[in-house]
Amino acid sequence: MMGGEHQPGSVAQDPVDASFVWSYAHFSTTTSPFATLMWRPNPTELPQSLYFSNPEIFFGTRPSGIVGQRDNIRTFEALTPVMEQYRTPPPELIFADGFESP
C-alpha cells in the first residue's frame, strides 16, 4: 500500500527492505492498548484503530506514531507524487465529468 510497511523485525518486515526507516505501523500495550492499521502480528491481541501511524494524530491521549520511526503517513506523502503518475489515462478516455469510459 504505497510503501507503508507493517512492523519491523522478524515477524513481518526486515528494516533493510523497508520503503523508508520510518515506514512502519505503530502499537501500544500500555493503558488502553491499540495498534494502527498496518500492524498485524496478532490482530486480536490489540484493538486496531482506524488510523495509519502518524505522530501528529492521537489515539486517545497518545500519538499514533513515533517521529522518524513509525510514520506511514509520512511515507504516503513522500510517495504520492510517484503514485499519482502511475496511470494517467489517455485524454480520449476521459469523459467531460472526469470519469473514464469502461
PDB file of N, CA and C in Angstrom:
ATOM      1  N   MET A   1       0.839  -1.181   0.000  1.00  0.00           N
ATOM      2  CA  MET A   1       0.000   0.000   0.000  1.00  0.00           C
ATOM      3  C   MET A   1       0.881   1.239   0.000  1.00  0.00           C
ATOM      4  N   MET A   2       1.242   1.696  -1.132  1.00  0.00           N
ATOM      5  CA  MET A   2       2.007   2.933  -1.289  1.00  0.00           C
ATOM      6  C   MET A   2       3.253   2.999  -0.414  1.00  0.00           C
ATOM      7  N   GLY A   3       3.906   1.888  -0.162  1.00  0.00           N
ATOM      8  CA  GLY A   3       5.156   1.895   0.590  1.00  0.00           C
ATOM      9  C   GLY A   3       5.011   1.784   2.078  1.00  0.00           C
ATOM     10  N   GLY A   4       3.779   1.751   2.588  1.00  0.00           N
ATOM     11  CA  GLY A   4       3.574   1.588   4.025  1.00  0.00           C
ATOM     12  C   GLY A   4       3.924   0.168   4.428  1.00  0.00           C
ATOM     13  N   GLU A   5       4.634   0.036   5.511  1.00  0.00           N
ATOM     14  CA  GLU A   5       5.065  -1.280   5.991  1.00  0.00           C
ATOM     15  C   GLU A   5       4.243  -1.689   7.210  1.00  0.00           C
ATOM     16  N   HIS A   6       4.316  -2.965   7.528  1.00  0.00           N
ATOM     17  CA  HIS A   6       3.673  -3.454   8.741  1.00  0.00           C
ATOM     18  C   HIS A   6       4.594  -3.125   9.903  1.00  0.00           C
ATOM     19  N   GLN A   7       5.104  -4.076  10.616  1.00  0.00           N
ATOM     20  CA  GLN A   7       6.003  -3.788  11.735  1.00  0.00           C
ATOM     21  C   GLN A   7       7.417  -4.254  11.411  1.00  0.00           C
ATOM     22  N   PRO A   8       8.402  -3.599  11.991  1.00  0.00           N
ATOM     23  CA  PRO A   8       9.782  -4.024  11.728  1.00  0.00           C
ATOM     24  C   PRO A   8      10.105  -5.318  12.458  1.00  0.00           C
ATOM     25  N   GLY A   9      11.121  -6.000  11.992  1.00  0.00           N
ATOM     26  CA  GLY A   9      11.598  -7.183  12.700  1.00  0.00           C
ATOM     27  C   GLY A   9      11.253  -8.480  12.007  1.00  0.00           C
ATOM     28  N   SER A  10      11.542  -9.552  12.694  1.00  0.00           N
ATOM     29  CA  SER A  10      11.407 -10.875  12.100  1.00  0.00           C
ATOM     30  C   SER A  10       9.965 -11.291  11.855  1.00  0.00           C
ATOM     31  N   VAL A  11       9.008 -10.656  12.530  1.00  0.00           N
ATOM     32  CA  VAL A  11       7.610 -11.057  12.360  1.00  0.00           C
ATOM     33  C   VAL A  11       7.110 -10.720  10.968  1.00  0.00           C
ATOM     34  N   ALA A  12       7.497  -9.575  10.427  1.00  0.00           N
ATOM     35  CA  ALA A  12       6.941  -9.192   9.131  1.00  0.00           C
ATOM     36  C   ALA A  12       7.957  -8.591   8.174  1.00  0.00           C
ATOM     37  N   GLN A  13       8.586  -7.523   8.534  1.00  0.00           N
ATOM     38  CA  GLN A  13       9.376  -6.763   7.584  1.00  0.00           C
ATOM     39  C   GLN A  13      10.789  -6.530   8.095  1.00  0.00           C
ATOM     40  N   ASP A  14      11.763  -6.914   7.296  1.00  0.00           N
ATOM     41  CA  ASP A  14      13.158  -6.623   7.613  1.00  0.00           C
ATOM     42  C   ASP A  14      13.389  -5.143   7.349  1.00  0.00           C
ATOM     43  N   PRO A  15      13.850  -4.364   8.331  1.00  0.00           N
ATOM     44  CA  PRO A  15      14.050  -2.929   8.131  1.00  0.00           C
ATOM     45  C   PRO A  15      14.926  -2.570   6.929  1.00  0.00           C
ATOM     46  N   VAL A  16      15.815  -3.459   6.533  1.00  0.00           N
ATOM     47  CA  VAL A  16      16.661  -3.191   5.369  1.00  0.00           C
ATOM     48  C   VAL A  16      15.824  -3.079   4.093  1.00  0.00           C
ATOM     49  N   ASP A  17      14.705  -3.778   4.042  1.00  0.00           N
ATOM     50  CA  ASP A  17      13.849  -3.799   2.860  1.00  0.00           C
ATOM     51  C   ASP A  17      12.716  -2.780   2.896  1.00  0.00           C
ATOM     52  N   ALA A  18      12.616  -1.997   3.950  1.00  0.00           N
ATOM     53  CA  ALA A  18      11.515  -1.043   4.095  1.00  0.00           C
ATOM     54  C   ALA A  18      11.632   0.102   3.101  1.00  0.00           C
ATOM     55  N   SER A  19      10.509   0.719   2.806  1.00  0.00           N
ATOM     56  CA  SER A  19      10.495   1.875   1.912  1.00  0.00           C
ATOM     57  C   SER A  19      11.370   2.991   2.475  1.00  0.00           C
ATOM     58  N   PHE A  20      11.163   3.315   3.732  1.00  0.00           N
ATOM     59  CA  PHE A  20      11.951   4.305   4.464  1.00  0.00           C
ATOM     60  C   PHE A  20      12.116   3.791   5.889  1.00  0.00           C
ATOM     61  N   VAL A  21      13.034   4.340   6.648  1.00  0.00           N
ATOM     62  CA  VAL A  21      13.255   3.859   8.019  1.00  0.00           C
ATOM     63  C   VAL A  21      12.065   4.154   8.934  1.00  0.00           C
ATOM     64  N   TRP A  22      11.191   5.066   8.562  1.00  0.00           N
ATOM     65  CA  TRP A  22      10.038   5.424   9.381  1.00  0.00           C
ATOM     66  C   TRP A  22       8.740   4.784   8.892  1.00  0.00           C
ATOM     67  N   SER A  23       8.790   3.934   7.881  1.00  0.00           N
ATOM     68  CA  SER A  23       7.588   3.427   7.202  1.00  0.00           C
ATOM     69  C   SER A  23       6.888   2.280   7.919  1.00  0.00           C
ATOM     70  N   TYR A  24       6.631   2.408   9.201  1.00  0.00           N
ATOM     71  CA  TYR A  24       6.053   1.291   9.947  1.00  0.00           C
ATOM     72  C   TYR A  24       4.771   1.645  10.679  1.00  0.00           C
ATOM     73  N   ALA A  25       4.005   0.607  10.947  1.00  0.00           N
ATOM     74  CA  ALA A  25       2.821   0.736  11.784  1.00  0.00           C
ATOM     75  C   ALA A  25       3.265   0.957  13.232  1.00  0.00           C
ATOM     76  N   HIS A  26       2.321   1.310  14.082  1.00  0.00           N
ATOM     77  CA  HIS A  26       2.628   1.597  15.483  1.00  0.00           C
ATOM     78  C   HIS A  26       1.652   0.838  16.375  1.00  0.00           C
ATOM     79  N   PHE A  27       2.070   0.588  17.603  1.00  0.00           N
ATOM     80  CA  PHE A  27       1.200  -0.059  18.585  1.00  0.00           C
ATOM     81  C   PHE A  27       1.588   0.409  19.982  1.00  0.00           C
ATOM     82  N   SER A  28       0.702   0.165  20.920  1.00  0.00           N
ATOM     83  CA  SER A  28       0.985   0.459  22.319  1.00  0.00           C
ATOM     84  C   SER A  28       0.298  -0.597  23.168  1.00  0.00           C
ATOM     85  N   THR A  29       1.008  -1.105  24.163  1.00  0.00           N
ATOM     86  CA  THR A  29       0.416  -2.108  25.067  1.00  0.00           C
ATOM     87  C   THR A  29       0.181  -1.540  26.457  1.00  0.00           C
ATOM     88  N   THR A  30       0.446  -0.242  26.642  1.00  0.00           N
ATOM     89  CA  THR A  30       0.200   0.379  27.948  1.00  0.00           C
ATOM     90  C   THR A  30      -1.288   0.614  28.115  1.00  0.00           C
ATOM     91  N   THR A  31      -1.685   1.428  29.070  1.00  0.00           N
ATOM     92  CA  THR A  31      -3.112   1.656  29.302  1.00  0.00           C
ATOM     93  C   THR A  31      -3.838   1.955  28.003  1.00  0.00           C
ATOM     94  N   SER A  32      -4.987   1.378  27.831  1.00  0.00           N
ATOM     95  CA  SER A  32      -5.765   1.462  26.589  1.00  0.00           C
ATOM     96  C   SER A  32      -4.925   1.067  25.378  1.00  0.00           C
ATOM     97  N   PRO A  33      -4.551  -0.206  25.275  1.00  0.00           N
ATOM     98  CA  PRO A  33      -3.716  -0.661  24.159  1.00  0.00           C
ATOM     99  C   PRO A  33      -4.399  -0.467  22.806  1.00  0.00           C
ATOM    100  N   PHE A  34      -3.591  -0.290  21.773  1.00  0.00           N
ATOM    101  CA  PHE A  34      -4.108  -0.139  20.413  1.00  0.00           C
ATOM    102  C   PHE A  34      -3.008  -0.479  19.420  1.00  0.00           C
ATOM    103  N   ALA A  35      -3.415  -0.669  18.185  1.00  0.00           N
ATOM    104  CA  ALA A  35      -2.481  -0.855  17.077  1.00  0.00           C
ATOM    105  C   ALA A  35      -3.030  -0.080  15.881  1.00  0.00           C
ATOM    106  N   THR A  36      -2.143   0.458  15.049  1.00  0.00           N
ATOM    107  CA  THR A  36      -2.601   1.180  13.863  1.00  0.00           C
ATOM    108  C   THR A  36      -2.916   0.181  12.745  1.00  0.00           C
ATOM    109  N   LEU A  37      -3.471   0.676  11.666  1.00  0.00           N
ATOM    110  CA  LEU A  37      -3.999  -0.189  10.606  1.00  0.00           C
ATOM    111  C   LEU A  37      -3.039  -1.219  10.035  1.00  0.00           C
ATOM    112  N   MET A  38      -1.789  -0.918   9.883  1.00  0.00           N
ATOM    113  CA  MET A  38      -0.869  -1.854   9.238  1.00  0.00           C
ATOM    114  C   MET A  38      -0.228  -2.840  10.221  1.00  0.00           C
ATOM    115  N   TRP A  39      -0.514  -2.733  11.503  1.00  0.00           N
ATOM    116  CA  TRP A  39       0.055  -3.648  12.491  1.00  0.00           C
ATOM    117  C   TRP A  39      -0.648  -4.980  12.376  1.00  0.00           C
ATOM    118  N   ARG A  40       0.136  -6.102  12.313  1.00  0.00           N
ATOM    119  CA  ARG A  40      -0.547  -7.370  12.112  1.00  0.00           C
ATOM    120  C   ARG A  40       0.018  -8.626  12.739  1.00  0.00           C
ATOM    121  N   PRO A  41       0.875  -8.613  13.738  1.00  0.00           N
ATOM    122  CA  PRO A  41       1.323  -9.898  14.288  1.00  0.00           C
ATOM    123  C   PRO A  41       0.169 -10.742  14.802  1.00  0.00           C
ATOM    124  N   ASN A  42      -0.736 -10.135  15.556  1.00  0.00           N
ATOM    125  CA  ASN A  42      -1.906 -10.836  16.053  1.00  0.00           C
ATOM    126  C   ASN A  42      -3.019  -9.799  16.190  1.00  0.00           C
ATOM    127  N   PRO A  43      -3.855  -9.654  15.169  1.00  0.00           N
ATOM    128  CA  PRO A  43      -4.868  -8.599  15.189  1.00  0.00           C
ATOM    129  C   PRO A  43      -5.844  -8.680  16.348  1.00  0.00           C
ATOM    130  N   THR A  44      -6.017  -9.871  16.934  1.00  0.00           N
ATOM    131  CA  THR A  44      -6.946  -9.973  18.063  1.00  0.00           C
ATOM    132  C   THR A  44      -6.273  -9.593  19.376  1.00  0.00           C
ATOM    133  N   GLU A  45      -4.965  -9.476  19.367  1.00  0.00           N
ATOM    134  CA  GLU A  45      -4.208  -9.143  20.566  1.00  0.00           C
ATOM    135  C   GLU A  45      -4.414  -7.690  20.992  1.00  0.00           C
ATOM    136  N   LEU A  46      -4.484  -6.797  20.029  1.00  0.00           N
ATOM    137  CA  LEU A  46      -4.640  -5.371  20.301  1.00  0.00           C
ATOM    138  C   LEU A  46      -5.812  -4.815  19.504  1.00  0.00           C
ATOM    139  N   PRO A  47      -6.612  -3.939  20.117  1.00  0.00           N
ATOM    140  CA  PRO A  47      -7.663  -3.295  19.331  1.00  0.00           C
ATOM    141  C   PRO A  47      -7.026  -2.468  18.222  1.00  0.00           C
ATOM    142  N   GLN A  48      -7.555  -2.560  17.018  1.00  0.00           N
ATOM    143  CA  GLN A  48      -6.970  -1.850  15.891  1.00  0.00           C
ATOM    144  C   GLN A  48      -7.704  -0.529  15.670  1.00  0.00           C
ATOM    145  N   SER A  49      -6.943   0.558  15.702  1.00  0.00           N
ATOM    146  CA  SER A  49      -7.522   1.874  15.434  1.00  0.00           C
ATOM    147  C   SER A  49      -7.760   2.004  13.935  1.00  0.00           C
ATOM    148  N   LEU A  50      -8.490   3.008  13.551  1.00  0.00           N
ATOM    149  CA  LEU A  50      -8.728   3.255  12.130  1.00  0.00           C
ATOM    150  C   LEU A  50      -7.753   4.292  11.593  1.00  0.00           C
ATOM    151  N   TYR A  51      -6.563   4.346  12.176  1.00  0.00           N
ATOM    152  CA  TYR A  51      -5.530   5.290  11.764  1.00  0.00           C
ATOM    153  C   TYR A  51      -4.321   4.550  11.212  1.00  0.00           C
ATOM    154  N   PHE A  52      -3.646   5.177  10.256  1.00  0.00           N
ATOM    155  CA  PHE A  52      -2.310   4.740   9.887  1.00  0.00           C
ATOM    156  C   PHE A  52      -1.380   5.426  10.871  1.00  0.00           C
ATOM    157  N   SER A  53      -0.189   4.891  11.072  1.00  0.00           N
ATOM    158  CA  SER A  53       0.729   5.507  12.031  1.00  0.00           C
ATOM    159  C   SER A  53       1.041   6.936  11.602  1.00  0.00           C
ATOM    160  N   ASN A  54       0.972   7.831  12.586  1.00  0.00           N
ATOM    161  CA  ASN A  54       1.180   9.257  12.348  1.00  0.00           C
ATOM    162  C   ASN A  54       1.394   9.938  13.696  1.00  0.00           C
ATOM    163  N   PRO A  55       2.601  10.428  13.983  1.00  0.00           N
ATOM    164  CA  PRO A  55       2.863  11.055  15.277  1.00  0.00           C
ATOM    165  C   PRO A  55       2.020  12.304  15.546  1.00  0.00           C
ATOM    166  N   GLU A  56       1.390  12.854  14.517  1.00  0.00           N
ATOM    167  CA  GLU A  56       0.593  14.062  14.703  1.00  0.00           C
ATOM    168  C   GLU A  56      -0.877  13.773  15.003  1.00  0.00           C
ATOM    169  N   ILE A  57      -1.286  12.518  14.893  1.00  0.00           N
ATOM    170  CA  ILE A  57      -2.669  12.125  15.187  1.00  0.00           C
ATOM    171  C   ILE A  57      -2.663  11.293  16.456  1.00  0.00           C
ATOM    172  N   PHE A  58      -3.598  11.582  17.348  1.00  0.00           N
ATOM    173  CA  PHE A  58      -3.638  10.906  18.637  1.00  0.00           C
ATOM    174  C   PHE A  58      -4.759   9.884  18.697  1.00  0.00           C
ATOM    175  N   PHE A  59      -4.462   8.775  19.354  1.00  0.00           N
ATOM    176  CA  PHE A  59      -5.448   7.753  19.667  1.00  0.00           C
ATOM    177  C   PHE A  59      -5.686   7.912  21.163  1.00  0.00           C
ATOM    178  N   GLY A  60      -6.767   8.542  21.512  1.00  0.00           N
ATOM    179  CA  GLY A  60      -6.961   8.933  22.905  1.00  0.00           C
ATOM    180  C   GLY A  60      -5.982  10.050  23.233  1.00  0.00           C
ATOM    181  N   THR A  61      -5.101   9.782  24.179  1.00  0.00           N
ATOM    182  CA  THR A  61      -4.119  10.803  24.579  1.00  0.00           C
ATOM    183  C   THR A  61      -2.724  10.509  24.057  1.00  0.00           C
ATOM    184  N   ARG A  62      -2.575   9.417  23.304  1.00  0.00           N
ATOM    185  CA  ARG A  62      -1.243   9.030  22.824  1.00  0.00           C
ATOM    186  C   ARG A  62      -1.122   9.164  21.319  1.00  0.00           C
ATOM    187  N   PRO A  63       0.052   9.573  20.848  1.00  0.00           N
ATOM    188  CA  PRO A  63       0.240   9.677  19.402  1.00  0.00           C
ATOM    189  C   PRO A  63       0.155   8.304  18.744  1.00  0.00           C
ATOM    190  N   SER A  64      -0.355   8.278  17.528  1.00  0.00           N
ATOM    191  CA  SER A  64      -0.482   7.006  16.809  1.00  0.00           C
ATOM    192  C   SER A  64       0.758   6.701  15.974  1.00  0.00           C
ATOM    193  N   GLY A  65       1.878   7.300  16.320  1.00  0.00           N
ATOM    194  CA  GLY A  65       3.142   7.042  15.641  1.00  0.00           C
ATOM    195  C   GLY A  65       4.301   7.625  16.421  1.00  0.00           C
ATOM    196  N   ILE A  66       5.508   7.394  15.924  1.00  0.00           N
ATOM    197  CA  ILE A  66       6.724   7.913  16.541  1.00  0.00           C
ATOM    198  C   ILE A  66       7.516   8.624  15.449  1.00  0.00           C
ATOM    199  N   VAL A  67       7.878   9.866  15.692  1.00  0.00           N
ATOM    200  CA  VAL A  67       8.627  10.650  14.707  1.00  0.00           C
ATOM    201  C   VAL A  67       9.900   9.905  14.319  1.00  0.00           C
ATOM    202  N   GLY A  68      10.105   9.748  13.006  1.00  0.00           N
ATOM    203  CA  GLY A  68      11.313   9.113  12.486  1.00  0.00           C
ATOM    204  C   GLY A  68      11.370   7.604  12.612  1.00  0.00           C
ATOM    205  N   GLN A  69      10.320   6.977  13.184  1.00  0.00           N
ATOM    206  CA  GLN A  69      10.345   5.525  13.372  1.00  0.00           C
ATOM    207  C   GLN A  69       9.066   4.829  12.911  1.00  0.00           C
ATOM    208  N   ARG A  70       7.930   5.410  13.209  1.00  0.00           N
ATOM    209  CA  ARG A  70       6.640   4.790  12.887  1.00  0.00           C
ATOM    210  C   ARG A  70       5.714   5.873  12.368  1.00  0.00           C
ATOM    211  N   ASP A  71       5.740   6.057  11.053  1.00  0.00           N
ATOM    212  CA  ASP A  71       5.004   7.170  10.446  1.00  0.00           C
ATOM    213  C   ASP A  71       4.635   6.833   9.002  1.00  0.00           C
ATOM    214  N   ASN A  72       3.638   5.960   8.841  1.00  0.00           N
ATOM    215  CA  ASN A  72       3.209   5.581   7.496  1.00  0.00           C
ATOM    216  C   ASN A  72       2.647   6.765   6.711  1.00  0.00           C
ATOM    217  N   ILE A  73       2.039   7.717   7.382  1.00  0.00           N
ATOM    218  CA  ILE A  73       1.511   8.885   6.676  1.00  0.00           C
ATOM    219  C   ILE A  73       2.639   9.654   6.001  1.00  0.00           C
ATOM    220  N   ARG A  74       3.768   9.795   6.663  1.00  0.00           N
ATOM    221  CA  ARG A  74       4.924  10.470   6.042  1.00  0.00           C
ATOM    222  C   ARG A  74       5.363   9.722   4.780  1.00  0.00           C
ATOM    223  N   THR A  75       5.327   8.405   4.823  1.00  0.00           N
ATOM    224  CA  THR A  75       5.662   7.595   3.651  1.00  0.00           C
ATOM    225  C   THR A  75       4.682   7.859   2.521  1.00  0.00           C
ATOM    226  N   PHE A  76       3.379   7.856   2.837  1.00  0.00           N
ATOM    227  CA  PHE A  76       2.367   8.106   1.807  1.00  0.00           C
ATOM    228  C   PHE A  76       2.563   9.486   1.186  1.00  0.00           C
ATOM    229  N   GLU A  77       2.852  10.476   2.015  1.00  0.00           N
ATOM    230  CA  GLU A  77       3.063  11.830   1.499  1.00  0.00           C
ATOM    231  C   GLU A  77       4.306  11.894   0.612  1.00  0.00           C
ATOM    232  N   ALA A  78       5.351  11.170   0.989  1.00  0.00           N
ATOM    233  CA  ALA A  78       6.587  11.171   0.190  1.00  0.00           C
ATOM    234  C   ALA A  78       6.389  10.480  -1.154  1.00  0.00           C
ATOM    235  N   LEU A  79       5.560   9.430  -1.194  1.00  0.00           N
ATOM    236  CA  LEU A  79       5.390   8.655  -2.421  1.00  0.00           C
ATOM    237  C   LEU A  79       4.182   9.042  -3.265  1.00  0.00           C
ATOM    238  N   THR A  80       3.341   9.942  -2.780  1.00  0.00           N
ATOM    239  CA  THR A  80       2.163  10.358  -3.543  1.00  0.00           C
ATOM    240  C   THR A  80       2.513  10.903  -4.920  1.00  0.00           C
ATOM    241  N   PRO A  81       3.538  11.756  -5.073  1.00  0.00           N
ATOM    242  CA  PRO A  81       3.856  12.236  -6.427  1.00  0.00           C
ATOM    243  C   PRO A  81       4.198  11.096  -7.395  1.00  0.00           C
ATOM    244  N   VAL A  82       4.819  10.048  -6.905  1.00  0.00           N
ATOM    245  CA  VAL A  82       5.140   8.899  -7.754  1.00  0.00           C
ATOM    246  C   VAL A  82       3.866   8.122  -8.074  1.00  0.00           C
ATOM    247  N   MET A  83       3.058   7.881  -7.064  1.00  0.00           N
ATOM    248  CA  MET A  83       1.841   7.089  -7.248  1.00  0.00           C
ATOM    249  C   MET A  83       0.836   7.780  -8.159  1.00  0.00           C
ATOM    250  N   GLU A  84       0.733   9.100  -8.076  1.00  0.00           N
ATOM    251  CA  GLU A  84      -0.250   9.774  -8.915  1.00  0.00           C
ATOM    252  C   GLU A  84       0.143   9.754 -10.390  1.00  0.00           C
ATOM    253  N   GLN A  85       1.393   9.438 -10.674  1.00  0.00           N
ATOM    254  CA  GLN A  85       1.845   9.316 -12.059  1.00  0.00           C
ATOM    255  C   GLN A  85       1.760   7.871 -12.553  1.00  0.00           C
ATOM    256  N   TYR A  86       1.337   6.958 -11.689  1.00  0.00           N
ATOM    257  CA  TYR A  86       1.315   5.539 -12.019  1.00  0.00           C
ATOM    258  C   TYR A  86       0.495   5.258 -13.268  1.00  0.00           C
ATOM    259  N   ARG A  87      -0.660   5.843 -13.342  1.00  0.00           N
ATOM    260  CA  ARG A  87      -1.509   5.587 -14.502  1.00  0.00           C
ATOM    261  C   ARG A  87      -2.271   6.850 -14.867  1.00  0.00           C
ATOM    262  N   THR A  88      -1.932   7.411 -15.970  1.00  0.00           N
ATOM    263  CA  THR A  88      -2.656   8.553 -16.490  1.00  0.00           C
ATOM    264  C   THR A  88      -3.370   8.098 -17.760  1.00  0.00           C
ATOM    265  N   PRO A  89      -4.696   8.059 -17.734  1.00  0.00           N
ATOM    266  CA  PRO A  89      -5.410   7.591 -18.919  1.00  0.00           C
ATOM    267  C   PRO A  89      -5.250   8.571 -20.084  1.00  0.00           C
ATOM    268  N   PRO A  90      -5.267   8.063 -21.302  1.00  0.00           N
ATOM    269  CA  PRO A  90      -5.196   8.949 -22.466  1.00  0.00           C
ATOM    270  C   PRO A  90      -6.385   9.906 -22.470  1.00  0.00           C
ATOM    271  N   PRO A  91      -6.209  11.121 -22.980  1.00  0.00           N
ATOM    272  CA  PRO A  91      -7.284  12.129 -22.958  1.00  0.00           C
ATOM    273  C   PRO A  91      -8.583  11.659 -23.605  1.00  0.00           C
ATOM    274  N   GLU A  92      -8.520  10.821 -24.629  1.00  0.00           N
ATOM    275  CA  GLU A  92      -9.747  10.404 -25.306  1.00  0.00           C
ATOM    276  C   GLU A  92     -10.621   9.479 -24.450  1.00  0.00           C
ATOM    277  N   LEU A  93     -10.088   8.962 -23.358  1.00  0.00           N
ATOM    278  CA  LEU A  93     -10.881   8.101 -22.490  1.00  0.00           C
ATOM    279  C   LEU A  93     -11.545   8.858 -21.343  1.00  0.00           C
ATOM    280  N   ILE A  94     -11.305  10.135 -21.249  1.00  0.00           N
ATOM    281  CA  ILE A  94     -11.867  10.923 -20.150  1.00  0.00           C
ATOM    282  C   ILE A  94     -13.164  11.568 -20.587  1.00  0.00           C
ATOM    283  N   PHE A  95     -14.206  11.324 -19.819  1.00  0.00           N
ATOM    284  CA  PHE A  95     -15.488  11.979 -20.066  1.00  0.00           C
ATOM    285  C   PHE A  95     -15.399  13.432 -19.598  1.00  0.00           C
ATOM    286  N   ALA A  96     -16.349  14.209 -19.977  1.00  0.00           N
ATOM    287  CA  ALA A  96     -16.386  15.616 -19.579  1.00  0.00           C
ATOM    288  C   ALA A  96     -16.474  15.747 -18.051  1.00  0.00           C
ATOM    289  N   ASP A  97     -17.113  14.762 -17.389  1.00  0.00           N
ATOM    290  CA  ASP A  97     -17.237  14.842 -15.934  1.00  0.00           C
ATOM    291  C   ASP A  97     -16.018  14.266 -15.207  1.00  0.00           C
ATOM    292  N   GLY A  98     -15.002  13.801 -15.954  1.00  0.00           N
ATOM    293  CA  GLY A  98     -13.779  13.304 -15.349  1.00  0.00           C
ATOM    294  C   GLY A  98     -13.723  11.805 -15.159  1.00  0.00           C
ATOM    295  N   PHE A  99     -14.825  11.095 -15.405  1.00  0.00           N
ATOM    296  CA  PHE A  99     -14.828   9.647 -15.242  1.00  0.00           C
ATOM    297  C   PHE A  99     -14.415   8.971 -16.547  1.00  0.00           C
ATOM    298  N   GLU A 100     -13.738   7.840 -16.416  1.00  0.00           N
ATOM    299  CA  GLU A 100     -13.294   7.101 -17.596  1.00  0.00           C
ATOM    300  C   GLU A 100     -14.419   6.239 -18.157  1.00  0.00           C
ATOM    301  N   SER A 101     -14.307   5.935 -19.421  1.00  0.00           N
ATOM    302  CA  SER A 101     -15.246   5.005 -20.025  1.00  0.00           C
ATOM    303  C   SER A 101     -14.846   3.586 -19.623  1.00  0.00           C
ATOM    304  N   PRO A 102     -15.785   2.646 -19.620  1.00  0.00           N
ATOM    305  CA  PRO A 102     -15.454   1.259 -19.237  1.00  0.00           C
ATOM    306  C   PRO A 102     -14.547   0.575 -20.239  1.00  0.00           C
TER     307      PRO A 102
END
